[in-house]
Amino acid sequence: MNWKKYNHKLLSALLMTVTSLLVINFALLFYSFTVLKKSKETQQFAEKVVYTFNDIWDQLKSSDLGVRSFLLTGNEDMLGPHLVAKPAIEQHFEGLDSLLLINGNHYEDFKKYRNRFLLKIKESDQIIELVRDGNNDEALAIFNQDSGYDLYLNYYAPLQEKLISYQKQVIKKASSRYLSFLQYIKISSIILILLSIPVLIFVLILFKRQNKKRVSLYRNLHLSNKRYIFNNGESDNKDDEDTAIKDIVANLEKSSRFIDNITNGEYNVAWEGMTEDLLSLNQNNLAGNLIKMRDKMKNAKNEDSIRIWSTEGHSKFASITRRHVDEQEMYSEFIIELVKYLNMHLGMLFVKNEDENEDSENKITLKLEASYAFGRKKYIEKELLPGQGLVGQVFEEGKSTYLKKVPKDYLTIKSGMGESQPKVVLIVPIKHNDATVGVLEMASFQPLEKYQIGFVEDICTILASAIVNSQASVVTRNLLKTTQEQAETLRMQEEEMRQNMEELEATQEEMRRNQQELERSNQELLHEKAKLEDELHLKS
């Protein structure tokens, strides 16, 4: 038997096996990224369904508020929220219908909810038509049936609970699948490491048998180590047996520790000996690919953390806007919690104020409704005009401004240590349907991340809806108060008129009696006159 040729073939076979395992390992890594992407898409689908479902209910509440206002006042302008919500609800239903039809989860429950929901919209339209026709009592009777409570209790709440449960199941399933693939990667890497050990032993034995090829073989082993595992940037001319073996074992140990750390969720782990200069030399080997995998998984974790943080924030601030009836309390809690949530140091909320007085020079002003800094409410009386200062400019332009270099003396923040100038200032317009209804100004001693700025801009849409709804509620309350005052004035005028009529009737009755008395007196006088004339006639 030609042992030399046999050993050469065996060595080639083992090297091909290691290479194949590396390729398989990289393929598993790539497939894990595909699974992670699909899991994210599934989570986003569930989040979109829940968000759209909740937004439909919010639109219904806005519509119901408009119908209530129209029922009380009869003012067609109060139907604005209803007219805006109705097409938005139809659009949301079309989107949910296609999403749930494709996915198949809770589609039948959704159809029942949609049909019941559309009946509620038709009921609102019926109330509007009855009010327009002057049938307020019939409209009020339909309204007092409070079908919205039945819709919430028997349709909205149960389906919302199912959708939230489904969302949790999707997230749990995606996480489980993701962890399973991490385990597969770990097992494949361990298998690769375990299979590499016999290769090393065989190479050592082969070198002992073939002294003439030892130098070439160890040099090739060193090159393979740099090519497939880790390139430390040292010379390629190493042919020392101990050094080559130690380098490979050390790199395999690094690989094992690196994979263990990633599997345990430690995404800040660094490859030992890797520097900025060596990154370009290790793009396509095991070290480079493991670092790429670490970076992608770290980014994925950061994105998940940001998404969870953002989702919780949206829920938190939406709850604040729904919880308060008094707009000042809502403004105050909103700005306080937003400053705390972003770990910033100052926040001010300006709300658009329109003066209905025709003699006023400035029809529109920006009134400071709430401010907060360093754990204390700031009670400041301040009004700005559109275009005045940076806040006024942002109001007019409708675009956010992020100042990394704050002008001197523009703004100072007081604390227990004295006054300090912030490092950054963020000014965001509060827009509702492309109309700016206010401006939010915030300052911090630390720069903001892009996702934080985007979060503030998104939150401002929630705040804008709350401001518009609050102002509509104020208008409704004022109209109701005016109506009640007018009704009371009319009642008092009717009472006064009734009293005047009674007095007039009494006066007329007195005059009638006096007239009758006067007529009797005249009759008596005429009778006496005739009697006297008869007596005189007889005497003559």
Protein backbone atom coordinates (compact mmCIF):
# COMPACT_ATOMS: atom_id res chain seq x y z
CA MET A 1 0.00 0.00 0.00
CA ASN A 2 1.25 3.46 -0.88
CA TRP A 3 1.02 5.02 2.62
CA LYS A 4 2.29 8.36 1.41
CA LYS A 5 -0.47 8.68 -1.15
CA TYR A 6 -3.01 7.34 1.34
CA ASN A 7 -1.99 9.88 4.01
CA HIS A 8 -2.17 12.67 1.49
CA LYS A 9 -5.70 11.67 0.45
CA LEU A 10 -6.75 11.28 4.08
CA LEU A 11 -5.40 14.73 4.91
CA SER A 12 -7.20 16.22 1.92
CA ALA A 13 -10.43 14.52 2.95
CA LEU A 14 -10.17 15.85 6.48
CA LEU A 15 -9.46 19.36 5.28
CA MET A 16 -12.44 19.22 2.94
CA THR A 17 -14.59 18.01 5.83
CA VAL A 18 -13.53 20.98 7.96
CA THR A 19 -14.17 23.34 5.05
CA SER A 20 -17.61 21.81 4.48
CA LEU A 21 -18.44 22.20 8.16
CA LEU A 22 -17.39 25.84 7.97
CA VAL A 23 -19.64 26.36 4.96
CA ILE A 24 -22.51 24.59 6.73
CA ASN A 25 -21.91 26.71 9.82
CA PHE A 26 -22.01 29.91 7.76
CA ALA A 27 -25.18 28.65 6.03
CA LEU A 28 -26.79 28.08 9.43
CA LEU A 29 -25.80 31.59 10.46
CA PHE A 30 -27.37 33.01 7.31
CA TYR A 31 -30.53 30.94 7.82
CA SER A 32 -30.77 32.12 11.44
CA PHE A 33 -30.75 35.70 10.19
CA THR A 34 -33.55 34.81 7.78
CA VAL A 35 -35.57 33.28 10.62
CA LEU A 36 -34.92 36.36 12.77
CA LYS A 37 -36.13 38.64 9.97
CA LYS A 38 -39.29 36.56 9.48
CA SER A 39 -39.92 36.60 13.24
CA LYS A 40 -39.62 40.37 13.24
CA GLU A 41 -42.08 40.64 10.35
CA THR A 42 -44.55 38.43 12.23
CA GLN A 43 -44.18 40.56 15.37
CA GLN A 44 -44.67 43.73 13.34
CA PHE A 45 -47.81 42.23 11.78
CA ALA A 46 -49.27 41.46 15.22
CA GLU A 47 -48.35 44.92 16.50
CA LYS A 48 -49.90 46.57 13.43
CA VAL A 49 -53.16 44.63 13.90
CA VAL A 50 -53.42 45.60 17.59
CA TYR A 51 -52.49 49.24 16.89
CA THR A 52 -55.02 49.57 14.03
CA PHE A 53 -57.72 47.85 16.10
CA ASN A 54 -57.19 50.28 18.99
CA ASP A 55 -57.11 53.26 16.62
CA ILE A 56 -60.54 52.23 15.23
CA TRP A 57 -61.94 52.43 18.76
CA ASP A 58 -60.31 55.84 19.32
CA GLN A 59 -61.82 57.09 16.06
CA LEU A 60 -65.24 55.83 17.22
CA LYS A 61 -64.90 57.75 20.48
CA SER A 62 -63.96 60.88 18.54
CA SER A 63 -67.00 60.35 16.27
CA ASP A 64 -69.26 59.81 19.29
CA LEU A 65 -67.98 63.05 20.85
CA GLY A 66 -68.87 64.96 17.68
CA VAL A 67 -72.38 63.42 17.55
CA ARG A 68 -72.91 64.25 21.24
CA SER A 69 -71.89 67.86 20.62
CA PHE A 70 -74.19 68.11 17.58
CA LEU A 71 -77.09 66.59 19.55
CA LEU A 72 -76.63 69.15 22.32
CA THR A 73 -76.03 72.25 20.19
CA GLY A 74 -77.37 71.47 16.73
CA ASN A 75 -74.20 73.10 15.35
CA GLU A 76 -73.04 71.37 12.13
CA ASP A 77 -69.42 72.34 12.91
CA MET A 78 -69.48 69.92 15.83
CA LEU A 79 -69.71 67.02 13.34
CA GLY A 80 -66.08 67.57 12.30
CA PRO A 81 -64.67 64.66 14.37
CA HIS A 82 -67.44 62.34 13.07
CA LEU A 83 -66.83 63.28 9.43
CA VAL A 84 -63.06 62.76 9.87
CA ALA A 85 -63.41 59.50 11.78
CA LYS A 86 -65.89 57.84 9.42
CA PRO A 87 -63.58 57.48 6.33
CA ALA A 88 -60.63 56.72 8.59
CA ILE A 89 -62.58 53.87 10.21
CA GLU A 90 -63.56 52.46 6.80
CA GLN A 91 -59.91 52.59 5.67
CA HIS A 92 -58.76 50.83 8.86
CA PHE A 93 -61.38 48.12 8.40
CA GLU A 94 -60.21 47.47 4.84
CA GLY A 95 -56.62 47.12 6.05
CA LEU A 96 -57.57 44.82 8.94
CA ASP A 97 -59.82 42.77 6.69
CA SER A 98 -56.97 42.01 4.26
CA LEU A 99 -54.46 41.37 7.07
CA LEU A 100 -56.66 39.03 9.09
CA LEU A 101 -57.99 37.28 5.97
CA ILE A 102 -54.43 36.43 4.89
CA ASN A 103 -53.38 35.37 8.37
CA GLY A 104 -56.62 33.62 9.30
CA ASN A 105 -56.46 34.41 13.02
CA HIS A 106 -59.68 35.74 14.63
CA TYR A 107 -61.13 36.64 11.22
CA GLU A 108 -64.65 35.47 12.11
CA ASP A 109 -64.57 37.42 15.40
CA PHE A 110 -63.36 40.44 13.45
CA LYS A 111 -66.29 40.21 10.97
CA LYS A 112 -68.78 40.17 13.86
CA TYR A 113 -67.07 43.17 15.42
CA ARG A 114 -66.94 45.02 12.08
CA ASN A 115 -70.66 44.46 11.41
CA ARG A 116 -71.60 45.59 14.92
CA PHE A 117 -69.28 48.57 14.61
CA LEU A 118 -70.82 49.65 11.28
CA LEU A 119 -74.27 49.44 12.92
CA LYS A 120 -72.99 51.92 15.51
CA ILE A 121 -71.84 54.28 12.71
CA LYS A 122 -75.24 53.96 11.00
CA GLU A 123 -76.90 54.70 14.34
CA SER A 124 -74.82 57.91 14.60
CA ASP A 125 -75.86 58.88 11.07
CA GLN A 126 -79.51 58.21 12.02
CA ILE A 127 -79.19 60.47 15.10
CA ILE A 128 -77.69 63.23 12.92
CA GLU A 129 -80.55 63.00 10.41
CA LEU A 130 -83.16 63.05 13.19
CA VAL A 131 -81.59 66.17 14.72
CA ARG A 132 -81.46 67.84 11.32
CA ASP A 133 -85.19 67.02 10.85
CA GLY A 134 -85.99 68.49 14.28
CA ASN A 135 -86.74 65.11 15.95
CA ASN A 136 -84.46 65.73 18.92
CA ASP A 137 -86.52 63.65 21.33
CA GLU A 138 -86.37 60.57 19.08
CA ALA A 139 -82.64 61.14 18.52
CA LEU A 140 -82.09 61.46 22.27
CA ALA A 141 -84.04 58.25 22.87
CA ILE A 142 -81.75 56.35 20.45
CA PHE A 143 -78.69 57.96 21.99
CA ASN A 144 -79.76 57.00 25.56
CA GLN A 145 -79.80 53.32 24.56
CA ASP A 146 -75.98 53.59 24.83
CA SER A 147 -75.20 50.93 22.25
CA GLY A 148 -71.54 51.95 22.49
CA TYR A 149 -71.30 50.29 25.92
CA ASP A 150 -72.65 47.02 24.50
CA LEU A 151 -70.20 47.32 21.58
CA TYR A 152 -67.31 47.78 23.99
CA LEU A 153 -68.34 45.08 26.46
CA ASN A 154 -69.42 42.28 24.12
CA TYR A 155 -67.32 42.91 21.01
CA TYR A 156 -64.40 45.31 21.39
CA ALA A 157 -63.03 44.15 24.75
CA PRO A 158 -63.18 40.36 24.03
CA LEU A 159 -61.61 40.75 20.58
CA GLN A 160 -58.95 43.10 21.92
CA GLU A 161 -58.07 40.52 24.56
CA LYS A 162 -57.77 37.81 21.89
CA LEU A 163 -55.58 40.00 19.65
CA ILE A 164 -53.28 40.94 22.54
CA SER A 165 -53.06 37.25 23.51
CA TYR A 166 -52.24 36.40 19.89
CA GLN A 167 -49.56 39.10 19.85
CA LYS A 168 -47.95 37.65 22.96
CA GLN A 169 -48.04 34.14 21.48
CA VAL A 170 -46.37 35.40 18.29
CA ILE A 171 -43.61 37.12 20.25
CA LYS A 172 -43.11 34.04 22.43
CA LYS A 173 -43.01 31.71 19.44
CA ALA A 174 -40.58 33.97 17.58
CA SER A 175 -38.29 34.19 20.61
CA SER A 176 -38.40 30.41 21.07
CA ARG A 177 -37.53 29.82 17.43
CA TYR A 178 -34.73 32.35 17.61
CA LEU A 179 -33.22 30.72 20.73
CA SER A 180 -33.50 27.29 19.08
CA PHE A 181 -31.45 28.42 16.11
CA LEU A 182 -28.86 29.91 18.44
CA GLN A 183 -28.62 26.49 20.04
CA TYR A 184 -28.19 24.87 16.60
CA ILE A 185 -25.38 27.30 15.83
CA LYS A 186 -23.71 26.53 19.12
CA ILE A 187 -23.95 22.76 18.54
CA SER A 188 -22.61 23.05 14.99
CA SER A 189 -19.72 25.18 16.21
CA ILE A 190 -18.91 22.67 18.94
CA ILE A 191 -19.05 19.85 16.40
CA LEU A 192 -16.71 21.84 14.18
CA ILE A 193 -14.32 22.33 17.08
CA LEU A 194 -14.50 18.65 18.08
CA LEU A 195 -13.86 17.51 14.52
CA SER A 196 -10.93 19.87 14.22
CA ILE A 197 -9.09 18.13 17.05
CA PRO A 198 -8.63 14.82 15.15
CA VAL A 199 -7.41 16.85 12.19
CA LEU A 200 -4.73 18.40 14.39
CA ILE A 201 -3.72 15.00 15.80
CA PHE A 202 -3.53 13.50 12.35
CA VAL A 203 -1.43 16.42 11.12
CA LEU A 204 0.98 15.95 14.03
CA ILE A 205 1.36 12.23 13.29
CA LEU A 206 1.75 12.94 9.62
CA PHE A 207 4.48 15.44 10.26
CA LYS A 208 6.36 12.92 12.39
CA ARG A 209 6.20 10.37 9.61
CA GLN A 210 7.11 12.77 6.86
CA ASN A 211 9.90 15.01 8.07
CA LYS A 212 10.56 16.37 4.62
CA LYS A 213 7.05 17.85 4.35
CA ARG A 214 6.82 19.13 7.95
CA VAL A 215 7.79 22.70 7.21
CA SER A 216 5.41 22.98 4.27
CA LEU A 217 2.55 21.34 6.15
CA TYR A 218 2.84 23.57 9.24
CA ARG A 219 3.11 26.64 7.10
CA ASN A 220 -0.09 25.60 5.31
CA LEU A 221 -1.74 24.93 8.66
CA HIS A 222 -0.77 28.37 9.86
CA LEU A 223 -2.19 29.91 6.68
CA SER A 224 -5.41 27.95 7.07
CA ASN A 225 -5.69 29.16 10.63
CA LYS A 226 -5.41 32.75 9.46
CA ARG A 227 -7.69 32.21 6.49
CA TYR A 228 -10.51 30.32 8.17
CA ILE A 229 -10.33 31.19 11.88
CA PHE A 230 -8.37 34.33 12.84
CA ASN A 231 -5.67 36.37 11.14
CA ASN A 232 -3.52 38.09 13.77
CA GLY A 233 -1.51 40.03 11.19
CA GLU A 234 1.79 38.28 11.91
CA SER A 235 4.22 36.88 9.34
CA ASP A 236 3.11 34.00 7.07
CA ASN A 237 6.52 32.30 7.23
CA LYS A 238 5.95 30.51 10.53
CA ASP A 239 6.74 26.83 10.37
CA ASP A 240 7.24 26.08 14.06
CA GLU A 241 5.16 23.09 15.16
CA ASP A 242 4.31 24.32 18.65
CA THR A 243 3.44 27.81 17.52
CA ALA A 244 1.06 26.63 14.76
CA ILE A 245 -0.79 24.26 17.04
CA LYS A 246 -1.03 26.75 19.87
CA ASP A 247 -2.38 29.42 17.54
CA ILE A 248 -5.13 27.15 16.22
CA VAL A 249 -6.12 25.86 19.67
CA ALA A 250 -6.11 29.40 21.04
CA ASN A 251 -8.30 30.61 18.19
CA LEU A 252 -10.68 27.70 18.63
CA GLU A 253 -10.91 28.48 22.34
CA LYS A 254 -11.58 32.10 21.47
CA SER A 255 -14.27 30.94 19.08
CA SER A 256 -15.84 28.74 21.74
CA ARG A 257 -15.80 31.48 24.37
CA PHE A 258 -17.06 34.02 21.88
CA ILE A 259 -19.98 31.77 20.83
CA ASP A 260 -20.80 30.94 24.47
CA ASN A 261 -20.96 34.65 25.33
CA ILE A 262 -23.23 35.40 22.37
CA THR A 263 -25.47 32.45 23.23
CA ASN A 264 -25.80 33.85 26.76
CA GLY A 265 -26.87 37.23 25.37
CA GLU A 266 -23.57 39.06 26.01
CA TYR A 267 -23.46 41.01 22.75
CA ASN A 268 -20.72 43.41 23.91
CA VAL A 269 -18.12 40.62 23.95
CA ALA A 270 -14.96 41.32 21.94
CA TRP A 271 -12.73 38.88 20.07
CA GLU A 272 -9.45 38.65 21.95
CA GLY A 273 -6.61 40.26 20.02
CA MET A 274 -8.87 41.90 17.41
CA THR A 275 -7.95 45.50 16.63
CA GLU A 276 -9.26 48.06 14.15
CA ASP A 277 -6.33 47.33 11.84
CA LEU A 278 -7.05 43.58 11.86
CA LEU A 279 -10.74 43.89 10.97
CA SER A 280 -10.00 44.24 7.27
CA LEU A 281 -7.90 41.02 7.37
CA ASN A 282 -10.68 39.00 9.00
CA GLN A 283 -13.70 39.81 6.88
CA ASN A 284 -14.40 36.29 5.56
CA ASN A 285 -13.04 33.93 8.23
CA LEU A 286 -14.64 32.51 11.37
CA ALA A 287 -13.63 35.44 13.58
CA GLY A 288 -14.92 37.99 11.10
CA ASN A 289 -18.22 36.18 10.56
CA LEU A 290 -18.76 35.67 14.27
CA ILE A 291 -18.17 39.39 14.82
CA LYS A 292 -20.65 40.17 12.03
CA MET A 293 -23.14 37.81 13.64
CA ARG A 294 -22.58 39.49 17.01
CA ASP A 295 -23.11 42.95 15.52
CA LYS A 296 -26.30 41.91 13.73
CA MET A 297 -27.70 40.24 16.83
CA LYS A 298 -26.71 43.25 18.95
CA ASN A 299 -28.45 45.58 16.50
CA ALA A 300 -31.49 43.33 16.50
CA LYS A 301 -31.59 43.40 20.30
CA ASN A 302 -31.18 47.18 20.35
CA GLU A 303 -33.95 47.57 17.77
CA ASP A 304 -36.20 45.33 19.85
CA SER A 305 -35.40 47.35 22.97
CA ILE A 306 -36.10 50.62 21.14
CA ARG A 307 -39.34 49.23 19.69
CA ILE A 308 -40.50 48.02 23.12
CA TRP A 309 -39.49 51.36 24.66
CA SER A 310 -41.35 53.24 21.94
CA THR A 311 -44.46 51.02 22.17
CA GLU A 312 -44.61 51.39 25.95
CA GLY A 313 -44.16 55.15 25.56
CA HIS A 314 -46.99 55.42 23.03
CA SER A 315 -49.26 53.46 25.36
CA LYS A 316 -48.21 55.53 28.38
CA PHE A 317 -48.85 58.93 26.80
CA ALA A 318 -52.01 57.83 25.01
CA SER A 319 -53.29 56.74 28.41
CA ILE A 320 -52.46 60.16 29.88
CA THR A 321 -54.47 61.94 27.16
CA ARG A 322 -57.45 59.64 27.71
CA ARG A 323 -57.33 59.68 31.50
CA HIS A 324 -57.77 63.40 32.12
CA VAL A 325 -60.89 65.49 31.60
CA ASP A 326 -59.27 68.76 32.64
CA GLU A 327 -56.94 69.91 29.87
CA GLN A 328 -54.54 71.71 32.22
CA GLU A 329 -54.01 68.58 34.28
CA MET A 330 -53.45 66.60 31.07
CA TYR A 331 -50.94 69.14 29.73
CA SER A 332 -49.05 69.18 33.04
CA GLU A 333 -48.79 65.41 33.47
CA PHE A 334 -47.92 64.94 29.78
CA ILE A 335 -44.93 67.32 29.84
CA ILE A 336 -43.72 66.03 33.23
CA GLU A 337 -43.80 62.38 32.18
CA LEU A 338 -42.26 63.12 28.77
CA VAL A 339 -39.28 64.94 30.32
CA LYS A 340 -38.77 62.03 32.72
CA TYR A 341 -39.26 59.35 30.04
CA LEU A 342 -36.55 60.89 27.84
CA ASN A 343 -34.23 61.72 30.80
CA MET A 344 -34.20 65.33 29.67
CA HIS A 345 -34.04 68.42 31.84
CA LEU A 346 -36.64 70.89 30.61
CA GLY A 347 -39.89 70.81 28.68
CA MET A 348 -42.38 73.50 27.64
CA LEU A 349 -45.73 73.08 25.90
CA PHE A 350 -47.14 75.93 23.82
CA VAL A 351 -50.73 75.62 22.56
CA LYS A 352 -52.30 77.65 19.78
CA ASN A 353 -54.85 80.15 21.08
CA GLU A 354 -57.27 81.95 18.73
CA ASP A 355 -58.80 85.24 19.95
CA GLU A 356 -62.38 85.56 18.70
CA ASN A 357 -62.48 89.28 19.54
CA GLU A 358 -62.67 91.19 16.23
CA ASP A 359 -60.90 94.21 17.75
CA SER A 360 -57.85 92.14 18.73
CA GLU A 361 -54.70 92.84 16.73
CA ASN A 362 -53.27 89.36 17.19
CA LYS A 363 -55.84 86.69 16.35
CA ILE A 364 -53.42 83.78 16.99
CA THR A 365 -50.96 83.45 19.88
CA LEU A 366 -48.94 80.60 21.36
CA LYS A 367 -49.71 80.27 25.05
CA LEU A 368 -47.39 78.40 27.41
CA GLU A 369 -49.75 75.85 28.99
CA ALA A 370 -47.26 73.67 30.91
CA SER A 371 -43.54 73.54 31.71
CA TYR A 372 -41.29 71.31 33.78
CA ALA A 373 -37.60 71.39 34.72
CA PHE A 374 -35.37 69.44 37.12
CA GLY A 375 -38.19 67.77 39.03
CA ARG A 376 -40.25 70.95 39.49
CA LYS A 377 -43.24 72.43 37.72
CA LYS A 378 -42.47 75.81 36.21
CA TYR A 379 -45.25 78.36 36.57
CA ILE A 380 -44.53 80.90 33.86
CA GLU A 381 -46.90 83.30 32.14
CA LYS A 382 -45.71 83.48 28.54
CA GLU A 383 -47.29 84.10 25.16
CA LEU A 384 -45.60 84.18 21.76
CA LEU A 385 -46.72 85.27 18.34
CA PRO A 386 -46.33 83.12 15.20
CA GLY A 387 -42.83 83.75 13.85
CA GLN A 388 -41.56 85.09 17.18
CA GLY A 389 -38.37 83.32 18.26
CA LEU A 390 -37.51 79.75 17.35
CA VAL A 391 -40.79 78.46 18.77
CA GLY A 392 -42.79 80.86 16.62
CA GLN A 393 -40.73 79.96 13.54
CA VAL A 394 -41.30 76.23 14.06
CA PHE A 395 -45.04 76.94 14.44
CA GLU A 396 -45.12 78.78 11.10
CA GLU A 397 -42.88 76.36 9.18
CA GLY A 398 -44.35 73.18 10.68
CA LYS A 399 -40.94 71.45 10.79
CA SER A 400 -38.90 70.18 13.75
CA THR A 401 -35.68 71.93 14.79
CA TYR A 402 -32.83 70.21 16.65
CA LEU A 403 -30.15 72.60 17.93
CA LYS A 404 -26.78 71.02 18.74
CA LYS A 405 -25.24 74.45 19.29
CA VAL A 406 -27.58 76.46 21.49
CA PRO A 407 -27.22 80.26 21.10
CA LYS A 408 -25.78 82.00 24.10
CA ASP A 409 -28.41 83.29 26.56
CA TYR A 410 -31.17 81.55 24.55
CA LEU A 411 -32.19 79.32 27.45
CA THR A 412 -30.91 78.49 30.93
CA ILE A 413 -31.92 75.71 33.30
CA LYS A 414 -31.93 76.37 37.03
CA SER A 415 -30.94 73.66 39.49
CA GLY A 416 -29.54 73.34 42.98
CA MET A 417 -26.07 73.97 41.52
CA GLY A 418 -27.13 77.24 39.85
CA GLU A 419 -27.96 78.06 36.24
CA SER A 420 -26.60 76.14 33.26
CA GLN A 421 -27.08 76.31 29.51
CA PRO A 422 -28.38 73.12 27.87
CA LYS A 423 -26.30 71.26 25.27
CA VAL A 424 -29.20 70.62 22.89
CA VAL A 425 -32.69 72.00 22.27
CA LEU A 426 -35.46 70.13 20.41
CA ILE A 427 -38.47 72.08 19.09
CA VAL A 428 -41.26 70.00 17.50
CA PRO A 429 -44.52 71.23 15.95
CA ILE A 430 -47.70 69.60 17.22
CA LYS A 431 -49.69 68.89 14.06
CA HIS A 432 -53.18 67.52 13.50
CA ASN A 433 -54.20 66.83 9.89
CA ASP A 434 -51.35 69.08 8.60
CA ALA A 435 -52.54 71.94 10.86
CA THR A 436 -50.16 73.05 13.63
CA VAL A 437 -52.00 73.33 16.95
CA GLY A 438 -49.01 73.84 19.23
CA VAL A 439 -45.25 73.55 19.74
CA LEU A 440 -43.23 71.37 22.13
CA GLU A 441 -39.82 72.68 23.25
CA MET A 442 -37.39 70.46 25.19
CA ALA A 443 -33.82 70.89 26.36
CA SER A 444 -31.16 68.57 27.75
CA PHE A 445 -27.55 68.47 28.86
CA GLN A 446 -27.06 65.30 26.80
CA PRO A 447 -27.48 64.87 23.02
CA LEU A 448 -30.51 62.95 21.76
CA GLU A 449 -30.54 59.82 19.58
CA LYS A 450 -32.44 59.77 16.29
CA TYR A 451 -34.99 57.31 17.64
CA GLN A 452 -35.68 59.66 20.60
CA ILE A 453 -36.32 62.57 18.25
CA GLY A 454 -38.59 60.38 16.12
CA PHE A 455 -40.40 59.23 19.26
CA VAL A 456 -41.09 62.83 20.31
CA GLU A 457 -42.43 63.61 16.83
CA ASP A 458 -44.69 60.56 16.94
CA ILE A 459 -45.91 61.40 20.46
CA CYS A 460 -46.80 64.91 19.25
CA THR A 461 -49.44 63.38 16.95
CA ILE A 462 -51.09 61.82 20.01
CA LEU A 463 -50.85 65.13 21.86
CA ALA A 464 -52.27 66.98 18.82
CA SER A 465 -55.37 64.77 18.79
CA ALA A 466 -55.76 65.30 22.55
CA ILE A 467 -55.47 69.09 22.15
CA VAL A 468 -58.02 69.19 19.33
CA ASN A 469 -60.43 66.93 21.23
CA SER A 470 -59.92 68.96 24.42
CA GLN A 471 -60.56 72.23 22.62
CA ALA A 472 -63.66 70.73 21.01
CA SER A 473 -64.83 69.63 24.46
CA VAL A 474 -64.24 73.15 25.81
CA VAL A 475 -66.25 74.61 22.93
CA THR A 476 -69.00 72.08 23.59
CA ARG A 477 -69.06 72.89 27.31
CA ASN A 478 -69.12 76.63 26.59
CA LEU A 479 -71.94 76.21 24.09
CA LEU A 480 -73.85 74.08 26.59
CA LYS A 481 -73.30 76.68 29.30
CA THR A 482 -74.42 79.48 26.95
CA THR A 483 -77.48 77.49 25.96
CA GLN A 484 -78.36 76.89 29.61
CA GLU A 485 -77.87 80.58 30.43
CA GLN A 486 -80.03 81.60 27.48
CA ALA A 487 -82.70 79.14 28.56
CA GLU A 488 -82.63 80.55 32.10
CA THR A 489 -82.85 84.11 30.77
CA LEU A 490 -85.78 83.15 28.54
CA ARG A 491 -87.51 81.48 31.49
CA MET A 492 -87.08 84.62 33.61
CA GLN A 493 -88.38 86.79 30.76
CA GLU A 494 -91.41 84.53 30.37
CA GLU A 495 -92.06 84.75 34.12
CA GLU A 496 -91.79 88.52 34.04
CA MET A 497 -94.13 88.69 31.03
CA ARG A 498 -96.62 86.45 32.82
CA GLN A 499 -96.59 88.75 35.85
CA ASN A 500 -97.05 91.79 33.60
CA MET A 501 -100.00 90.11 31.89
CA GLU A 502 -101.60 89.35 35.26
CA GLU A 503 -101.13 92.97 36.35
CA LEU A 504 -102.60 94.20 33.03
CA GLU A 505 -105.60 91.94 33.42
CA ALA A 506 -106.14 93.22 36.97
CA THR A 507 -105.91 96.82 35.74
CA GLN A 508 -108.38 96.12 32.93
CA GLU A 509 -110.79 94.53 35.42
CA GLU A 510 -110.55 97.58 37.69
CA MET A 511 -111.20 99.90 34.74
CA ARG A 512 -114.19 97.81 33.71
CA ARG A 513 -115.68 98.08 37.23
CA ASN A 514 -115.04 101.83 37.31
CA GLN A 515 -116.71 102.18 33.89
CA GLN A 516 -119.77 100.29 35.12
CA GLU A 517 -119.90 102.47 38.24
CA LEU A 518 -119.62 105.61 36.12
CA GLU A 519 -122.43 104.44 33.85
CA ARG A 520 -124.68 103.78 36.86
CA SER A 521 -123.89 107.27 38.20
CA ASN A 522 -124.74 108.81 34.84
CA GLN A 523 -128.04 106.92 34.73
CA GLU A 524 -128.89 108.14 38.21
CA LEU A 525 -128.01 111.73 37.25
CA LEU A 526 -130.15 111.54 34.10
CA HIS A 527 -133.00 110.12 36.16
CA GLU A 528 -132.71 112.94 38.72
CA LYS A 529 -132.53 115.49 35.91
CA ALA A 530 -135.69 114.16 34.30
CA LYS A 531 -137.45 114.12 37.65
CA LEU A 532 -136.52 117.76 38.32
CA GLU A 533 -137.67 118.79 34.87
CA ASP A 534 -141.04 117.11 35.48
CA GLU A 535 -141.44 118.90 38.83
CA LEU A 536 -140.59 122.25 37.26
CA HIS A 537 -143.03 121.62 34.46
CA LEU A 538 -145.84 120.83 36.89
CA LYS A 539 -145.14 123.98 38.93
CA SER A 540 -145.24 126.14 35.84
